[in-house]
Amino acid sequence: MFATVLLLGICLFFVIMHFKSRRPPNFPPGPTALPFLGNMHHLSPSNPLIDMEKLRRTYGNVYSLYIGPRAAVVVNGYKALKEALVTKGVDFAGRPQDMFVNDVVERRGVVLADYGPAWKEHRRFGLMTMRNFGMGKRSMEQKIMEELQYTVDFLEKNTGKILSPEVMFHCVASNVVCLVLFGTRYEHDDPFIAKLVNCFDDVNKTINGPWAFLYDSFHWVRYLPLPFTRAFKARQTVKDMILPIIHEHEKNRVPGEAQDFVDCYLEELEKRGDDGSSFCPEELFMFCLSLYGAGTDTTSSTLLTGFLYLMTKPHVQERCQQEIERVLEGKDILTFEDRLDMPYVQAVLHEVQRIANIVPLSVFHATTKDTELTGFSIPKGTLIIPNLSSALSEEGQWKFPHEFNPENFLNDNGEFVKPDAFLAFSAGPRLCLGEGLARMELFLILVTLLRKFRFIWPEDAGEPDYELVFGITVTPKPYNMKVELRAPQ
């Protein structure tokens, strides 16, 4: 009797799972889903982008997948992405709120918070603060250039040697964000930074791994002591590290003289008082967490990709250096405005970002209402996966879609142009908050280093491997570089 009931229960469960994975009317097409797994067997965990491209060829630019029991719509190609992210930006501006990553950040923070009044308040505050605090102004340039001097000194001491650039670029990016957030920089071997990086690494690996998939697919799993608990412990460790910094700011800040982002937020908190807004100490911590996480790995991985290509395509590096010398002749101080006279350098930087494809699937979106996309019906709350990499390598949008070539960003007169399909920072209401800072960092770092040094692919390094390692952010495989001091110009 028990065996019969158990068998009936199992059959009933599979029937329920089958119907849960049936697509609603006029929903985008896609492959048949399995119970439990959905369509995960169609995607390689090491690099799902290749499989997504195959599915795109079969089902079109807008198709659906099941991630476990959850329906998701994958949006490909510039035209469909523009409709979703820009034309109907508000309809697609939500964030899924019942996934592992949301629980890790306590559903707070300007990156992962859902679309609504609290997110709008913090987004507006973030944009205004970054702009007023110095984004695009000399004060921010000065902070970046001062931090960059430590890297220049390190490279001068190690000219002629073979170096691994990963830690160096990560520390530059990390310190720029720390200067913006806390007004503090850290030595490259500081235990604080090492601990912070390890915690973020733990969280990122868990989010990108099988335990997060299990967590998202079956709610009851969340109460078991499984390995995904490492991410929650890592978050608490980061909280224990950052909260004392925030408390120190509370004690020492001078009203009306904000020195960094934390000061600005604390001033806003004081000004608002008990007005019922979403501003609170918990949001400040998650704001810091979001900005640090989003602003460090992305910039360092872009730099790693850029110097991999500059070393292995020395003619590109040399042409950049010639333009830099011409524009900066007789100038001691580099400014962000100098980019306007460097079309080739700008083209190289944008081509690096296109090829680097740092966040290929953006951050998952969700629909905020019942809507349509390219004629398909998309219910409210549907998970949306914007495949930005499909636009960054789309044929018809680029002169050389499948190879590294700065000509993708130059017109026939050699002037810098940015095609509409350049979606490295996404688009619409969820456009990357740190785009201005990232663009400034990349330009100042690249030009400063190329002006002073020549970067060489080591003779014994073999053939360069351009294959990128997929993750929350995409990064090149580890490599070494040789650095030589250029003759004074």
Protein backbone atom coordinates (compact mmCIF):
# COMPACT_ATOMS: atom_id res chain seq x y z
CA MET A 1 0.00 0.00 0.00
CA PHE A 2 2.76 2.46 0.98
CA ALA A 3 4.69 1.67 -2.21
CA THR A 4 1.58 2.39 -4.30
CA VAL A 5 0.96 5.74 -2.59
CA LEU A 6 4.62 6.66 -2.99
CA LEU A 7 4.56 5.77 -6.67
CA LEU A 8 1.38 7.79 -7.20
CA GLY A 9 2.96 10.72 -5.35
CA ILE A 10 6.05 10.59 -7.56
CA CYS A 11 3.92 10.41 -10.72
CA LEU A 12 1.79 13.33 -9.54
CA PHE A 13 4.91 15.36 -8.81
CA PHE A 14 6.27 14.76 -12.32
CA VAL A 15 2.91 15.68 -13.85
CA ILE A 16 2.90 18.96 -11.87
CA MET A 17 6.48 19.69 -12.89
CA HIS A 18 5.59 18.97 -16.52
CA PHE A 19 2.69 21.41 -16.52
CA LYS A 20 4.72 24.04 -14.66
CA SER A 21 7.23 23.99 -17.51
CA ARG A 22 4.61 24.40 -20.27
CA ARG A 23 4.90 27.73 -22.01
CA PRO A 24 2.00 30.21 -21.72
CA PRO A 25 0.11 31.28 -24.88
CA ASN A 26 2.18 33.36 -27.34
CA PHE A 27 5.27 32.94 -25.12
CA PRO A 28 8.62 32.87 -26.94
CA PRO A 29 9.50 29.40 -28.26
CA GLY A 30 12.30 27.26 -26.92
CA PRO A 31 13.54 23.72 -26.35
CA THR A 32 11.52 21.15 -24.41
CA ALA A 33 12.16 21.34 -20.67
CA LEU A 34 12.80 18.42 -18.33
CA PRO A 35 11.28 18.11 -14.85
CA PHE A 36 13.63 19.48 -12.14
CA LEU A 37 16.35 20.55 -14.58
CA GLY A 38 14.32 22.59 -17.02
CA ASN A 39 16.68 23.32 -19.91
CA MET A 40 19.91 23.31 -17.92
CA HIS A 41 21.06 20.24 -19.89
CA HIS A 42 21.12 22.49 -22.97
CA LEU A 43 23.69 24.85 -21.39
CA SER A 44 27.32 24.14 -20.60
CA PRO A 45 28.17 25.45 -17.10
CA SER A 46 31.72 26.34 -18.24
CA ASN A 47 30.49 28.62 -21.05
CA PRO A 48 26.74 28.76 -21.83
CA LEU A 49 27.24 31.55 -24.40
CA ILE A 50 28.10 29.06 -27.17
CA ASP A 51 24.97 27.01 -26.45
CA MET A 52 22.85 30.16 -26.28
CA GLU A 53 24.05 31.11 -29.74
CA LYS A 54 23.02 27.67 -31.07
CA LEU A 55 19.57 28.07 -29.52
CA ARG A 56 19.32 31.55 -31.02
CA ARG A 57 19.92 30.10 -34.51
CA THR A 58 17.14 27.58 -33.93
CA TYR A 59 14.50 29.67 -32.14
CA GLY A 60 15.29 33.29 -33.09
CA ASN A 61 16.46 36.38 -31.24
CA VAL A 62 13.83 36.06 -28.50
CA TYR A 63 13.43 32.56 -27.09
CA SER A 64 12.63 30.96 -23.74
CA LEU A 65 14.40 28.55 -21.42
CA TYR A 66 13.50 26.96 -18.12
CA ILE A 67 16.05 27.37 -15.35
CA GLY A 68 14.81 24.58 -13.14
CA PRO A 69 11.05 25.23 -12.92
CA ARG A 70 11.44 28.97 -13.70
CA ALA A 71 10.63 30.33 -17.15
CA ALA A 72 13.19 32.77 -18.55
CA VAL A 73 13.29 34.75 -21.80
CA VAL A 74 16.67 35.23 -23.48
CA VAL A 75 16.91 38.43 -25.53
CA ASN A 76 19.50 38.50 -28.34
CA GLY A 77 20.60 40.95 -30.98
CA TYR A 78 20.74 44.73 -30.91
CA LYS A 79 17.20 45.32 -32.22
CA ALA A 80 15.45 43.12 -29.62
CA LEU A 81 17.76 44.32 -26.82
CA LYS A 82 17.02 47.94 -27.67
CA GLU A 83 13.27 47.26 -27.57
CA ALA A 84 13.55 45.56 -24.17
CA LEU A 85 16.13 47.77 -22.46
CA VAL A 86 15.35 51.19 -23.96
CA THR A 87 12.05 51.45 -25.83
CA LYS A 88 10.21 49.44 -23.15
CA GLY A 89 12.87 50.00 -20.51
CA VAL A 90 10.49 50.40 -17.56
CA ASP A 91 8.58 47.21 -18.49
CA PHE A 92 11.85 45.26 -18.32
CA ALA A 93 13.60 47.15 -15.51
CA GLY A 94 12.74 44.78 -12.67
CA ARG A 95 15.04 42.32 -10.94
CA PRO A 96 14.03 38.78 -9.94
CA GLN A 97 13.72 38.84 -6.15
CA ASP A 98 13.56 35.17 -5.12
CA MET A 99 16.99 33.95 -6.21
CA PHE A 100 20.10 33.04 -4.28
CA VAL A 101 21.95 36.24 -5.18
CA ASN A 102 19.06 38.37 -3.85
CA ASP A 103 19.16 36.62 -0.50
CA VAL A 104 22.92 37.15 -0.31
CA VAL A 105 22.47 40.93 -0.65
CA GLU A 106 19.31 40.97 1.48
CA ARG A 107 17.35 42.37 -1.51
CA ARG A 108 19.13 45.68 -1.10
CA GLY A 109 21.71 47.62 -3.09
CA VAL A 110 21.33 49.68 -6.22
CA VAL A 111 22.39 46.82 -8.54
CA LEU A 112 20.02 44.04 -7.46
CA ALA A 113 17.13 45.88 -5.80
CA ASP A 114 13.83 45.57 -7.62
CA TYR A 115 12.44 48.44 -9.68
CA GLY A 116 10.40 50.69 -7.41
CA PRO A 117 10.48 53.84 -5.27
CA ALA A 118 13.42 52.71 -3.07
CA TRP A 119 15.55 51.76 -6.07
CA LYS A 120 14.67 55.02 -7.88
CA GLU A 121 15.64 57.08 -4.81
CA HIS A 122 18.99 55.35 -4.49
CA ARG A 123 19.70 55.34 -8.21
CA ARG A 124 19.02 59.10 -8.38
CA PHE A 125 21.18 59.71 -5.31
CA GLY A 126 24.00 57.55 -6.69
CA LEU A 127 24.08 59.34 -10.04
CA MET A 128 23.95 62.77 -8.44
CA THR A 129 26.61 61.95 -5.85
CA MET A 130 29.02 60.40 -8.34
CA ARG A 131 28.61 63.44 -10.58
CA ASN A 132 28.94 66.03 -7.81
CA PHE A 133 31.72 64.16 -6.07
CA GLY A 134 33.91 64.43 -9.11
CA MET A 135 32.86 62.09 -11.88
CA GLY A 136 34.28 63.68 -14.98
CA LYS A 137 35.96 66.40 -12.93
CA ARG A 138 39.57 67.04 -12.02
CA SER A 139 39.16 65.81 -8.42
CA MET A 140 38.38 62.28 -9.61
CA GLU A 141 41.15 62.40 -12.19
CA GLN A 142 43.57 63.40 -9.47
CA LYS A 143 42.58 60.48 -7.24
CA ILE A 144 43.03 57.99 -10.09
CA MET A 145 46.39 59.47 -11.14
CA GLU A 146 47.68 59.46 -7.57
CA GLU A 147 46.74 55.81 -7.17
CA LEU A 148 48.23 54.99 -10.55
CA GLN A 149 51.60 56.36 -9.45
CA TYR A 150 51.99 53.36 -7.12
CA THR A 151 51.63 51.06 -10.13
CA VAL A 152 54.11 53.12 -12.15
CA ASP A 153 56.63 52.90 -9.29
CA PHE A 154 56.11 49.13 -9.08
CA LEU A 155 56.68 48.67 -12.82
CA GLU A 156 59.78 50.89 -12.79
CA LYS A 157 61.30 48.66 -10.13
CA ASN A 158 60.49 45.56 -12.15
CA THR A 159 61.45 46.58 -15.69
CA GLY A 160 62.93 43.74 -17.66
CA LYS A 161 61.26 41.14 -15.43
CA ILE A 162 58.42 38.74 -16.16
CA LEU A 163 55.33 39.72 -14.17
CA SER A 164 51.84 38.41 -13.55
CA PRO A 165 49.54 41.46 -13.92
CA GLU A 166 46.40 40.08 -12.22
CA VAL A 167 47.05 41.36 -8.68
CA MET A 168 48.45 44.66 -9.97
CA PHE A 169 45.37 45.55 -12.04
CA HIS A 170 42.96 44.26 -9.40
CA CYS A 171 44.59 46.45 -6.75
CA VAL A 172 44.43 49.56 -8.94
CA ALA A 173 40.73 49.04 -9.61
CA SER A 174 40.01 48.14 -5.98
CA ASN A 175 41.79 51.20 -4.60
CA VAL A 176 40.02 53.60 -6.96
CA VAL A 177 36.66 52.27 -5.73
CA CYS A 178 37.84 52.41 -2.10
CA LEU A 179 38.91 56.03 -2.59
CA VAL A 180 35.48 56.88 -3.99
CA LEU A 181 33.61 55.03 -1.25
CA PHE A 182 35.77 55.50 1.85
CA GLY A 183 38.42 58.08 0.91
CA THR A 184 41.07 55.44 1.69
CA ARG A 185 43.58 53.43 -0.32
CA TYR A 186 45.29 50.22 0.77
CA GLU A 187 48.73 48.82 0.07
CA HIS A 188 48.65 45.99 -2.44
CA ASP A 189 49.64 43.47 0.24
CA ASP A 190 47.28 44.84 2.91
CA PRO A 191 45.47 41.97 4.74
CA PHE A 192 42.22 43.98 4.62
CA ILE A 193 42.13 43.92 0.82
CA ALA A 194 43.24 40.27 0.65
CA LYS A 195 40.40 39.29 2.99
CA LEU A 196 37.88 41.41 1.07
CA VAL A 197 38.89 39.87 -2.25
CA ASN A 198 38.64 36.33 -0.81
CA CYS A 199 35.13 37.03 0.46
CA PHE A 200 33.94 38.37 -2.89
CA ASP A 201 35.59 35.39 -4.58
CA ASP A 202 33.65 32.99 -2.33
CA VAL A 203 30.37 34.74 -3.12
CA ASN A 204 31.00 34.89 -6.87
CA LYS A 205 31.99 31.22 -7.13
CA THR A 206 28.89 30.16 -5.22
CA ILE A 207 26.55 32.35 -7.29
CA ASN A 208 27.99 30.87 -10.47
CA GLY A 209 27.93 27.26 -9.25
CA PRO A 210 25.53 24.31 -8.93
CA TRP A 211 24.54 25.06 -5.33
CA ALA A 212 22.99 28.38 -6.34
CA PHE A 213 21.02 26.57 -9.07
CA LEU A 214 19.75 24.08 -6.48
CA TYR A 215 18.88 26.94 -4.10
CA ASP A 216 16.91 28.75 -6.83
CA SER A 217 15.09 25.62 -8.01
CA PHE A 218 13.88 24.14 -4.72
CA HIS A 219 12.91 26.47 -1.88
CA TRP A 220 13.12 23.78 0.81
CA VAL A 221 16.86 23.34 0.08
CA ARG A 222 17.49 26.81 1.53
CA TYR A 223 17.05 25.52 5.06
CA LEU A 224 19.75 22.84 4.76
CA PRO A 225 23.39 23.38 5.82
CA LEU A 226 24.76 23.01 2.29
CA PRO A 227 27.86 24.71 0.77
CA PHE A 228 25.92 27.79 -0.38
CA THR A 229 26.04 28.93 3.27
CA ARG A 230 29.66 29.98 2.57
CA ALA A 231 28.34 32.98 0.64
CA PHE A 232 26.25 34.16 3.59
CA LYS A 233 29.24 33.78 5.93
CA ALA A 234 31.38 35.76 3.46
CA ARG A 235 28.78 38.54 3.36
CA GLN A 236 28.79 38.74 7.15
CA THR A 237 32.60 38.90 7.15
CA VAL A 238 32.50 41.81 4.70
CA LYS A 239 29.86 43.51 6.85
CA ASP A 240 32.09 43.15 9.91
CA MET A 241 34.92 44.77 7.92
CA ILE A 242 32.99 47.69 6.41
CA LEU A 243 30.70 48.70 9.27
CA PRO A 244 33.62 49.97 11.44
CA ILE A 245 34.68 52.17 8.50
CA ILE A 246 31.16 53.60 8.28
CA HIS A 247 31.07 54.17 12.07
CA GLU A 248 34.42 55.97 11.84
CA HIS A 249 32.93 58.26 9.21
CA GLU A 250 29.94 58.95 11.47
CA LYS A 251 32.27 60.10 14.25
CA ASN A 252 34.74 62.13 12.20
CA ARG A 253 32.90 63.65 9.27
CA VAL A 254 32.54 67.42 9.09
CA PRO A 255 28.99 68.48 8.10
CA GLY A 256 28.92 70.08 4.67
CA GLU A 257 32.41 68.83 3.78
CA ALA A 258 31.80 65.35 2.40
CA GLN A 259 35.06 63.68 1.38
CA ASP A 260 33.71 60.47 -0.10
CA PHE A 261 30.57 58.51 -0.93
CA VAL A 262 29.96 57.33 2.66
CA ASP A 263 30.08 60.93 3.90
CA CYS A 264 27.56 61.95 1.23
CA TYR A 265 25.16 59.17 2.20
CA LEU A 266 25.44 59.98 5.92
CA GLU A 267 24.68 63.63 5.14
CA GLU A 268 21.63 62.54 3.18
CA LEU A 269 20.50 60.35 6.08
CA GLU A 270 20.83 63.26 8.49
CA LYS A 271 19.03 65.63 6.15
CA ARG A 272 16.09 63.25 5.64
CA GLY A 273 15.67 62.31 9.29
CA ASP A 274 12.50 60.27 9.79
CA ASP A 275 10.84 61.23 6.51
CA GLY A 276 9.89 57.62 5.75
CA SER A 277 12.32 57.29 2.83
CA SER A 278 14.29 54.14 2.04
CA PHE A 279 17.58 55.67 3.19
CA CYS A 280 18.99 53.72 6.15
CA PRO A 281 22.33 52.32 7.44
CA GLU A 282 21.56 48.86 5.98
CA GLU A 283 21.12 50.36 2.50
CA LEU A 284 24.39 52.25 2.87
CA PHE A 285 26.30 49.04 3.57
CA MET A 286 24.71 47.26 0.60
CA PHE A 287 25.30 50.31 -1.61
CA CYS A 288 29.02 50.07 -0.75
CA LEU A 289 28.99 46.32 -1.32
CA SER A 290 27.31 46.73 -4.73
CA LEU A 291 29.63 49.48 -5.94
CA TYR A 292 32.77 47.67 -4.80
CA GLY A 293 31.70 44.37 -6.34
CA ALA A 294 30.56 45.94 -9.60
CA GLY A 295 33.51 48.33 -9.95
CA THR A 296 36.51 46.14 -9.19
CA ASP A 297 36.38 42.86 -11.15
CA THR A 298 34.91 44.53 -14.25
CA THR A 299 37.69 47.12 -14.55
CA SER A 300 40.55 44.76 -13.70
CA SER A 301 39.30 42.10 -16.15
CA THR A 302 38.97 44.72 -18.90
CA LEU A 303 42.56 45.85 -18.28
CA LEU A 304 43.80 42.25 -18.34
CA THR A 305 42.06 41.70 -21.69
CA GLY A 306 43.38 44.99 -23.06
CA PHE A 307 47.03 44.35 -22.25
CA LEU A 308 46.80 40.78 -23.55
CA TYR A 309 45.89 42.20 -26.97
CA LEU A 310 48.32 45.13 -26.78
CA MET A 311 51.21 42.75 -26.14
CA THR A 312 50.27 40.21 -28.78
CA LYS A 313 49.42 42.87 -31.39
CA PRO A 314 52.43 45.20 -30.99
CA HIS A 315 51.46 47.28 -34.04
CA VAL A 316 48.31 48.36 -32.14
CA GLN A 317 50.36 49.22 -29.05
CA GLU A 318 52.84 51.21 -31.13
CA ARG A 319 50.15 53.18 -32.95
CA CYS A 320 48.58 54.06 -29.57
CA GLN A 321 51.94 55.27 -28.29
CA GLN A 322 52.51 57.42 -31.38
CA GLU A 323 49.14 59.11 -30.91
CA ILE A 324 49.78 59.58 -27.18
CA GLU A 325 53.16 61.20 -27.87
CA ARG A 326 51.68 63.55 -30.46
CA VAL A 327 48.79 64.70 -28.26
CA LEU A 328 50.72 64.95 -24.98
CA GLU A 329 53.92 66.47 -26.37
CA GLY A 330 55.16 69.03 -23.83
CA LYS A 331 52.40 68.18 -21.32
CA ASP A 332 53.23 66.80 -17.88
CA ILE A 333 49.66 66.18 -16.75
CA LEU A 334 47.26 63.84 -18.53
CA THR A 335 43.53 64.68 -18.29
CA PHE A 336 40.41 62.80 -19.27
CA GLU A 337 39.64 65.55 -21.78
CA ASP A 338 42.73 64.49 -23.77
CA ARG A 339 40.75 61.50 -25.02
CA LEU A 340 38.92 63.82 -27.42
CA ASP A 341 42.19 64.26 -29.35
CA MET A 342 42.99 60.52 -29.33
CA PRO A 343 40.54 58.78 -31.69
CA TYR A 344 42.70 55.69 -32.12
CA VAL A 345 43.26 55.19 -28.37
CA GLN A 346 39.51 55.58 -27.81
CA ALA A 347 38.85 53.05 -30.56
CA VAL A 348 41.27 50.58 -28.95
CA LEU A 349 39.70 51.03 -25.51
CA HIS A 350 36.19 50.45 -26.84
CA GLU A 351 37.32 47.48 -28.92
CA VAL A 352 38.89 45.99 -25.79
CA GLN A 353 35.57 46.37 -23.96
CA ARG A 354 33.69 44.84 -26.89
CA ILE A 355 36.00 41.82 -27.09
CA ALA A 356 36.34 41.50 -23.30
CA ASN A 357 32.56 41.09 -23.05
CA ILE A 358 32.94 41.44 -19.28
CA VAL A 359 29.30 40.92 -18.21
CA PRO A 360 27.92 39.01 -21.21
CA LEU A 361 24.49 38.25 -19.73
CA SER A 362 24.21 41.59 -17.92
CA VAL A 363 22.46 41.27 -14.57
CA PHE A 364 19.19 39.37 -14.94
CA HIS A 365 16.11 41.54 -15.39
CA ALA A 366 12.44 40.85 -14.70
CA THR A 367 9.29 42.29 -16.25
CA THR A 368 7.43 44.81 -14.07
CA LYS A 369 4.09 44.28 -15.87
CA ASP A 370 2.50 42.14 -18.56
CA THR A 371 4.14 43.33 -21.76
CA GLU A 372 5.22 42.34 -25.27
CA LEU A 373 8.56 41.88 -26.98
CA THR A 374 8.93 41.50 -30.75
CA GLY A 375 5.29 40.37 -30.82
CA PHE A 376 5.55 37.77 -28.04
CA SER A 377 3.55 38.04 -24.80
CA ILE A 378 5.71 38.27 -21.66
CA PRO A 379 3.86 38.01 -18.30
CA LYS A 380 4.75 40.19 -15.32
CA GLY A 381 7.57 38.77 -13.21
CA THR A 382 9.21 36.80 -16.03
CA LEU A 383 12.97 36.40 -15.70
CA ILE A 384 14.75 38.21 -18.55
CA ILE A 385 18.31 37.37 -19.65
CA PRO A 386 19.76 40.15 -21.86
CA ASN A 387 22.48 38.47 -23.94
CA LEU A 388 24.64 41.58 -24.43
CA SER A 389 27.39 39.55 -26.08
CA SER A 390 25.03 38.81 -29.00
CA ALA A 391 24.95 42.54 -29.84
CA LEU A 392 28.69 43.02 -29.25
CA SER A 393 29.50 40.44 -31.94
CA GLU A 394 26.45 40.76 -34.18
CA GLU A 395 27.07 40.55 -37.90
CA GLY A 396 25.81 43.63 -39.70
CA GLN A 397 26.52 45.84 -36.68
CA TRP A 398 30.33 45.67 -36.87
CA LYS A 399 32.94 45.78 -39.62
CA PHE A 400 34.85 42.93 -37.96
CA PRO A 401 32.42 41.28 -35.53
CA HIS A 402 34.53 38.21 -34.70
CA GLU A 403 38.04 39.61 -34.39
CA PHE A 404 39.92 42.25 -32.43
CA ASN A 405 40.14 45.30 -34.68
CA PRO A 406 39.97 48.96 -33.54
CA GLU A 407 38.60 49.84 -36.99
CA ASN A 408 35.22 48.80 -35.57
CA PHE A 409 35.18 52.22 -33.88
CA LEU A 410 36.75 54.38 -36.62
CA ASN A 411 35.07 55.87 -39.66
CA ASP A 412 36.67 56.31 -43.08
CA ASN A 413 38.25 59.58 -41.91
CA GLY A 414 39.90 57.95 -38.89
CA GLU A 415 37.46 59.62 -36.49
CA PHE A 416 36.16 57.80 -33.41
CA VAL A 417 32.56 56.60 -33.71
CA LYS A 418 30.59 54.44 -31.30
CA PRO A 419 28.07 52.11 -32.98
CA ASP A 420 24.68 51.79 -31.30
CA ALA A 421 25.30 48.07 -30.73
CA PHE A 422 28.04 48.88 -28.19
CA LEU A 423 26.15 47.72 -25.10
CA ALA A 424 29.10 46.94 -22.82
CA PHE A 425 27.43 48.94 -20.01
CA SER A 426 23.89 47.75 -20.87
CA ALA A 427 21.29 50.46 -21.62
CA GLY A 428 18.09 52.08 -20.41
CA PRO A 429 17.01 52.52 -16.76
CA ARG A 430 19.50 49.86 -15.60
CA LEU A 431 22.49 51.36 -17.42
CA CYS A 432 25.63 50.73 -15.33
CA LEU A 433 25.85 53.33 -12.55
CA GLY A 434 29.65 53.34 -12.69
CA GLU A 435 30.03 53.82 -16.46
CA GLY A 436 31.57 57.30 -16.09
CA LEU A 437 34.11 56.15 -13.50
CA ALA A 438 35.03 53.05 -15.51
CA ARG A 439 35.58 55.01 -18.73
CA MET A 440 37.79 57.52 -16.92
CA GLU A 441 39.80 54.82 -15.16
CA LEU A 442 40.42 52.80 -18.31
CA PHE A 443 41.58 55.81 -20.32
CA LEU A 444 43.87 57.28 -17.66
CA ILE A 445 45.42 53.91 -16.78
CA LEU A 446 46.00 52.79 -20.35
CA VAL A 447 47.48 56.08 -21.55
CA THR A 448 49.68 56.59 -18.47
CA LEU A 449 51.17 53.09 -18.73
CA LEU A 450 51.63 53.13 -22.51
CA ARG A 451 53.28 56.55 -22.34
CA LYS A 452 55.98 55.25 -20.00
CA PHE A 453 56.32 51.52 -20.69
CA ARG A 454 56.42 48.97 -23.47
CA PHE A 455 54.56 45.76 -22.73
CA ILE A 456 55.98 42.60 -24.34
CA TRP A 457 54.67 39.05 -24.69
CA PRO A 458 57.40 36.87 -23.10
CA GLU A 459 59.40 34.81 -25.59
CA ASP A 460 58.90 31.56 -23.70
CA ALA A 461 55.16 32.11 -23.13
CA GLY A 462 54.06 30.19 -26.23
CA GLU A 463 51.06 31.14 -28.34
CA PRO A 464 48.62 33.54 -26.64
CA ASP A 465 45.31 32.04 -25.58
CA TYR A 466 42.48 34.51 -26.19
CA GLU A 467 39.75 32.23 -24.83
CA LEU A 468 37.92 33.93 -21.98
CA VAL A 469 36.86 32.21 -18.75
CA PHE A 470 33.10 32.52 -18.19
CA GLY A 471 31.74 33.63 -14.81
CA ILE A 472 29.71 36.47 -13.29
CA THR A 473 32.40 38.53 -14.97
CA VAL A 474 34.40 37.13 -17.89
CA THR A 475 38.18 37.23 -17.62
CA PRO A 476 41.20 36.08 -19.65
CA LYS A 477 43.18 33.05 -18.58
CA PRO A 478 46.22 33.94 -16.41
CA TYR A 479 49.24 35.16 -18.37
CA ASN A 480 52.58 36.88 -17.81
CA MET A 481 53.98 40.09 -19.26
CA LYS A 482 57.41 41.60 -19.71
CA VAL A 483 57.75 45.34 -19.11
CA GLU A 484 60.41 47.67 -20.53
CA LEU A 485 60.89 51.36 -19.79
CA ARG A 486 60.46 53.43 -22.93
CA ALA A 487 63.04 56.05 -23.79
CA PRO A 488 62.02 59.55 -22.60
CA GLN A 489 59.92 61.22 -25.27
